[in-house]
């Protein structure tokens, strides 16, 4: 049986970006003159499109939301994207899946430019055939749009792929595009948020066990 292929989310799935994202948000809010946000609200910024999160949580829209995004990027592009850690076991899982013949792609709402820099910095880019993300003008940010872009760019068939992510946007986007969905519980989403996923895993290594159980790999 041929290997299934994998589209991975980045933030909260391959790496824990919390420190860098939160520091970038705090920087943007301070420069803009807005009060800081609680840790609970800051956590909700991890995953969704940034423009939407600033509009939702800061009571701004239009040009002001864009000003916050640009201020965020001032910090993130220089410091924040490296204030990040790879989850334990992720490199080993990616390597094992690759050796099984699976094609690995990234599907993130983060700008593609930043995603590529992060993968290269943490020596993860060698595992990925294609990196798909949003554009710097905040287009193609919806997860379904990113997934469709990855499938179109690679020629992979949706029915042959898993979408792996830690937030409901990953699951909803994957299901909308016809992929089998896997929710990871070591990121920022909990069981309730990820209940619509076809499969749930608690650790990176559980992805290998899932692959083995479904497709007979050893």
Protein backbone atom coordinates (compact mmCIF):
# COMPACT_ATOMS: atom_id res chain seq x y z
CA UNK A 1 0.00 0.00 0.00
CA UNK A 2 1.37 3.43 -0.92
CA UNK A 3 2.25 5.90 1.82
CA UNK A 4 -0.19 8.56 2.81
CA UNK A 5 1.06 12.12 2.53
CA UNK A 6 1.04 14.88 5.14
CA UNK A 7 0.23 18.58 5.22
CA UNK A 8 1.45 20.05 8.50
CA UNK A 9 0.46 23.24 10.22
CA UNK A 10 3.45 25.10 11.70
CA UNK A 11 2.59 27.05 14.85
CA UNK A 12 1.53 24.75 17.67
CA UNK A 13 2.12 21.65 15.55
CA UNK A 14 5.80 21.55 14.63
CA UNK A 15 6.98 24.34 16.91
CA UNK A 16 5.83 26.22 19.98
CA UNK A 17 5.89 29.86 18.81
CA UNK A 18 4.20 31.33 21.88
CA UNK A 19 6.99 33.53 23.19
CA UNK A 20 7.79 35.16 19.87
CA UNK A 21 4.17 35.74 18.85
CA UNK A 22 3.22 37.18 22.24
CA UNK A 23 6.26 39.44 22.39
CA UNK A 24 5.47 40.68 18.88
CA UNK A 25 1.86 41.44 19.85
CA UNK A 26 2.94 43.25 23.01
CA UNK A 27 5.39 45.31 20.97
CA UNK A 28 2.68 46.25 18.44
CA UNK A 29 0.15 47.19 21.12
CA UNK A 30 2.69 49.34 23.00
CA UNK A 31 3.81 51.16 19.85
CA UNK A 32 0.17 51.72 18.86
CA UNK A 33 -0.78 52.96 22.35
CA UNK A 34 -3.20 50.18 23.22
CA UNK A 35 -3.37 48.33 26.56
CA UNK A 36 -1.83 44.89 26.81
CA UNK A 37 -3.96 41.76 26.51
CA UNK A 38 -4.30 38.85 28.91
CA UNK A 39 -2.28 35.67 28.41
CA UNK A 40 -5.49 33.84 27.60
CA UNK A 41 -6.33 36.24 24.76
CA UNK A 42 -2.73 36.29 23.53
CA UNK A 43 -2.90 32.50 23.17
CA UNK A 44 -5.85 32.86 20.79
CA UNK A 45 -3.62 34.76 18.33
CA UNK A 46 -1.67 31.56 17.68
CA UNK A 47 -3.23 29.95 14.62
CA UNK A 48 -5.79 32.34 13.08
CA UNK A 49 -4.91 35.05 10.55
CA UNK A 50 -3.28 37.94 12.37
CA UNK A 51 -5.38 40.68 10.77
CA UNK A 52 -8.57 38.99 11.98
CA UNK A 53 -7.23 38.57 15.52
CA UNK A 54 -6.26 42.23 15.88
CA UNK A 55 -9.67 43.29 14.60
CA UNK A 56 -11.47 40.91 16.97
CA UNK A 57 -9.54 41.54 20.16
CA UNK A 58 -8.43 45.16 19.81
CA UNK A 59 -11.59 46.77 18.47
CA UNK A 60 -9.88 48.05 15.34
CA UNK A 61 -10.40 47.46 11.66
CA UNK A 62 -9.19 48.64 8.28
CA UNK A 63 -6.07 50.78 8.33
CA UNK A 64 -5.59 50.47 12.10
CA UNK A 65 -5.63 46.66 11.94
CA UNK A 66 -3.01 46.85 9.20
CA UNK A 67 -0.91 49.26 11.26
CA UNK A 68 -0.90 46.71 14.09
CA UNK A 69 0.09 43.92 11.70
CA UNK A 70 2.98 45.99 10.38
CA UNK A 71 4.12 46.91 13.89
CA UNK A 72 3.93 43.22 14.83
CA UNK A 73 6.16 42.40 11.87
CA UNK A 74 8.75 44.97 12.94
CA UNK A 75 9.52 42.81 15.96
CA UNK A 76 8.64 39.39 14.57
CA UNK A 77 10.79 39.60 11.45
CA UNK A 78 13.92 40.39 13.48
CA UNK A 79 13.42 38.59 16.79
CA UNK A 80 10.03 36.98 17.23
CA UNK A 81 10.27 34.26 14.62
CA UNK A 82 13.34 32.84 16.38
CA UNK A 83 11.76 33.02 19.87
CA UNK A 84 10.39 29.61 19.11
CA UNK A 85 11.12 25.98 19.98
CA UNK A 86 10.67 22.74 18.06
CA UNK A 87 8.49 20.25 19.92
CA UNK A 88 10.41 17.24 21.22
CA UNK A 89 10.27 14.36 18.78
CA UNK A 90 9.17 16.34 15.72
CA UNK A 91 12.41 15.99 13.70
CA UNK A 92 12.43 12.25 14.32
CA UNK A 93 8.79 11.92 13.24
CA UNK A 94 9.33 13.93 10.08
CA UNK A 95 12.39 11.88 9.20
CA UNK A 96 10.56 8.59 9.76
CA UNK A 97 7.57 9.63 7.67
CA UNK A 98 9.87 10.77 4.88
CA UNK A 99 11.68 7.42 4.94
CA UNK A 100 8.33 5.67 4.59
CA UNK A 101 7.86 7.46 1.29
CA UNK A 102 5.42 10.13 2.44
CA UNK A 103 5.49 13.56 0.85
CA UNK A 104 5.57 16.24 3.57
CA UNK A 105 4.25 19.75 2.95
CA UNK A 106 3.67 22.78 5.14
CA UNK A 107 0.26 24.46 5.15
CA UNK A 108 0.27 27.52 7.42
CA UNK A 109 -1.58 30.81 7.66
CA UNK A 110 1.74 32.44 8.55
CA UNK A 111 3.33 34.35 5.66
CA UNK A 112 5.25 31.92 3.49
CA UNK A 113 8.39 34.04 3.74
CA UNK A 114 8.46 33.70 7.53
CA UNK A 115 7.57 30.01 7.47
CA UNK A 116 10.52 29.21 5.21
CA UNK A 117 12.91 31.17 7.43
CA UNK A 118 11.68 29.32 10.53
CA UNK A 119 12.04 25.90 8.92
CA UNK A 120 15.53 26.74 7.72
CA UNK A 121 16.58 28.16 11.10
CA UNK A 122 15.50 25.01 12.93
CA UNK A 123 16.87 22.65 10.24
CA UNK A 124 13.42 21.34 9.32
CA UNK A 125 13.25 22.52 5.71
CA UNK A 126 15.00 19.36 4.46
CA UNK A 127 11.93 17.30 5.28
CA UNK A 128 9.47 19.36 3.25
CA UNK A 129 8.76 19.08 -0.45
CA UNK A 130 6.67 22.25 -0.49
CA UNK A 131 6.02 25.15 1.89
CA UNK A 132 2.64 26.82 1.53
CA UNK A 133 1.58 29.88 3.47
CA UNK A 134 -0.15 33.22 3.21
CA UNK A 135 1.18 36.25 1.36
CA UNK A 136 2.57 39.35 3.04
CA UNK A 137 -0.55 41.29 2.02
CA UNK A 138 -2.59 38.88 4.17
CA UNK A 139 -4.19 37.10 1.22
CA UNK A 140 -4.65 33.33 1.18
CA UNK A 141 -4.82 33.29 4.98
CA UNK A 142 -7.83 30.97 5.42
CA UNK A 143 -6.57 27.44 6.04
CA UNK A 144 -8.77 25.95 3.31
CA UNK A 145 -7.23 28.40 0.83
CA UNK A 146 -3.71 27.46 1.91
CA UNK A 147 -4.47 23.74 1.67
CA UNK A 148 -5.97 24.14 -1.80
CA UNK A 149 -2.88 26.08 -2.84
CA UNK A 150 -0.58 23.31 -1.57
CA UNK A 151 -2.57 20.59 -3.34
CA UNK A 152 -2.65 22.53 -6.59
CA UNK A 153 1.08 23.31 -6.40
CA UNK A 154 2.16 19.74 -5.65
CA UNK A 155 -0.38 17.68 -7.55
CA UNK A 156 -1.19 15.67 -4.43
CA UNK A 157 -4.72 14.31 -4.20
CA UNK A 158 -6.76 15.33 -1.18
CA UNK A 159 -7.90 11.75 -0.57
CA UNK A 160 -4.25 10.67 -0.21
CA UNK A 161 -3.38 13.25 2.44
CA UNK A 162 -3.62 13.98 6.13
CA UNK A 163 -3.98 17.55 7.43
CA UNK A 164 -2.21 17.73 10.79
CA UNK A 165 -2.77 20.71 13.07
CA UNK A 166 -3.56 21.93 16.56
CA UNK A 167 -6.44 24.37 15.98
CA UNK A 168 -9.97 24.07 14.66
CA UNK A 169 -8.98 26.08 11.58
CA UNK A 170 -6.71 23.22 10.55
CA UNK A 171 -9.48 20.67 11.01
CA UNK A 172 -12.16 22.77 9.31
CA UNK A 173 -9.84 23.62 6.42
CA UNK A 174 -8.76 20.04 5.97
CA UNK A 175 -12.30 18.72 5.99
CA UNK A 176 -13.43 21.42 3.54
CA UNK A 177 -10.73 20.28 1.13
CA UNK A 178 -11.42 16.56 1.55
CA UNK A 179 -8.36 15.55 3.59
CA UNK A 180 -8.27 13.16 6.53
CA UNK A 181 -7.71 15.36 9.58
CA UNK A 182 -5.48 14.81 12.59
CA UNK A 183 -5.67 17.06 15.64
CA UNK A 184 -2.58 17.28 17.84
CA UNK A 185 -3.17 17.80 21.54
CA UNK A 186 0.35 19.01 22.39
CA UNK A 187 -0.29 22.41 20.75
CA UNK A 188 -2.78 25.16 21.54
CA UNK A 189 -6.09 23.41 20.88
CA UNK A 190 -7.87 21.08 23.31
CA UNK A 191 -10.11 18.06 22.77
CA UNK A 192 -13.23 20.19 22.60
CA UNK A 193 -11.80 22.47 19.91
CA UNK A 194 -10.49 19.50 17.91
CA UNK A 195 -13.46 17.17 18.35
CA UNK A 196 -14.32 17.25 14.63
CA UNK A 197 -10.94 15.75 13.67
CA UNK A 198 -10.88 12.25 12.22
CA UNK A 199 -8.04 11.35 14.60
CA UNK A 200 -6.48 12.87 17.72
CA UNK A 201 -2.90 12.32 18.88
CA UNK A 202 -1.35 13.36 22.16
CA UNK A 203 2.33 13.24 21.16
CA UNK A 204 4.37 13.60 17.97
CA UNK A 205 5.35 9.93 18.10
CA UNK A 206 1.66 9.01 18.09
CA UNK A 207 1.57 10.20 14.46
CA UNK A 208 3.87 7.31 13.59
CA UNK A 209 1.69 4.88 15.49
CA UNK A 210 -1.37 6.20 13.63
CA UNK A 211 0.40 5.73 10.31
CA UNK A 212 1.41 2.22 11.29
CA UNK A 213 -2.03 1.22 12.47
CA UNK A 214 -3.79 2.53 9.37
CA UNK A 215 -1.29 1.57 6.71
CA UNK A 216 0.74 -1.30 8.05
CA UNK A 217 4.11 0.44 8.47
CA UNK A 218 6.59 -0.87 10.97
